[in-house]
Amino acid sequence: FNPFPLFFNHGGKDATEEERVEAALNMLEEQILNEGPEQIASIMMEPIVGAGGCLIMPDGYMQGIRAICDKYGILMHLDEVMVGFGRTGKLFGFQNYDGVLPDIISCAKGISEIGRAS
């Protein structure tokens, strides 16, 4: 789920970053309500999108997703395959967002190299 694709501004062309974050979170919550929260097991996303460029979520967005997950009893599942194991300067990419602690972390690659001597 990446609500901030290049060249598209939620909230309109002149929206501030805070307004864009609020609009994106409102749209996510609306979608959850349309589907029925009891039908959604988890929200899975990358904390920093790597495949489409290095897209870092704006301030407040990841915290907002965490709050929505908590509100509706939905698990927050973060894919750390591309950004985990120190690739962002912290052990996991989600640690770049204050107060965000996922319920599930997916990771790969780096695990196989940990015990290997150079």
Foldseek 3Di string as FASTA:
>chain_A
DDQDDPPDAQPDDPDDLVSSLVRVLVVVLVVCVVVPLVVAAADEEACFDPPRHGRHRDAPNLVSVQVSCVVSVHFYEHEQAPPACCNVPDRGSVVVHPPHDGPHYHYDDVVVCPPDDD
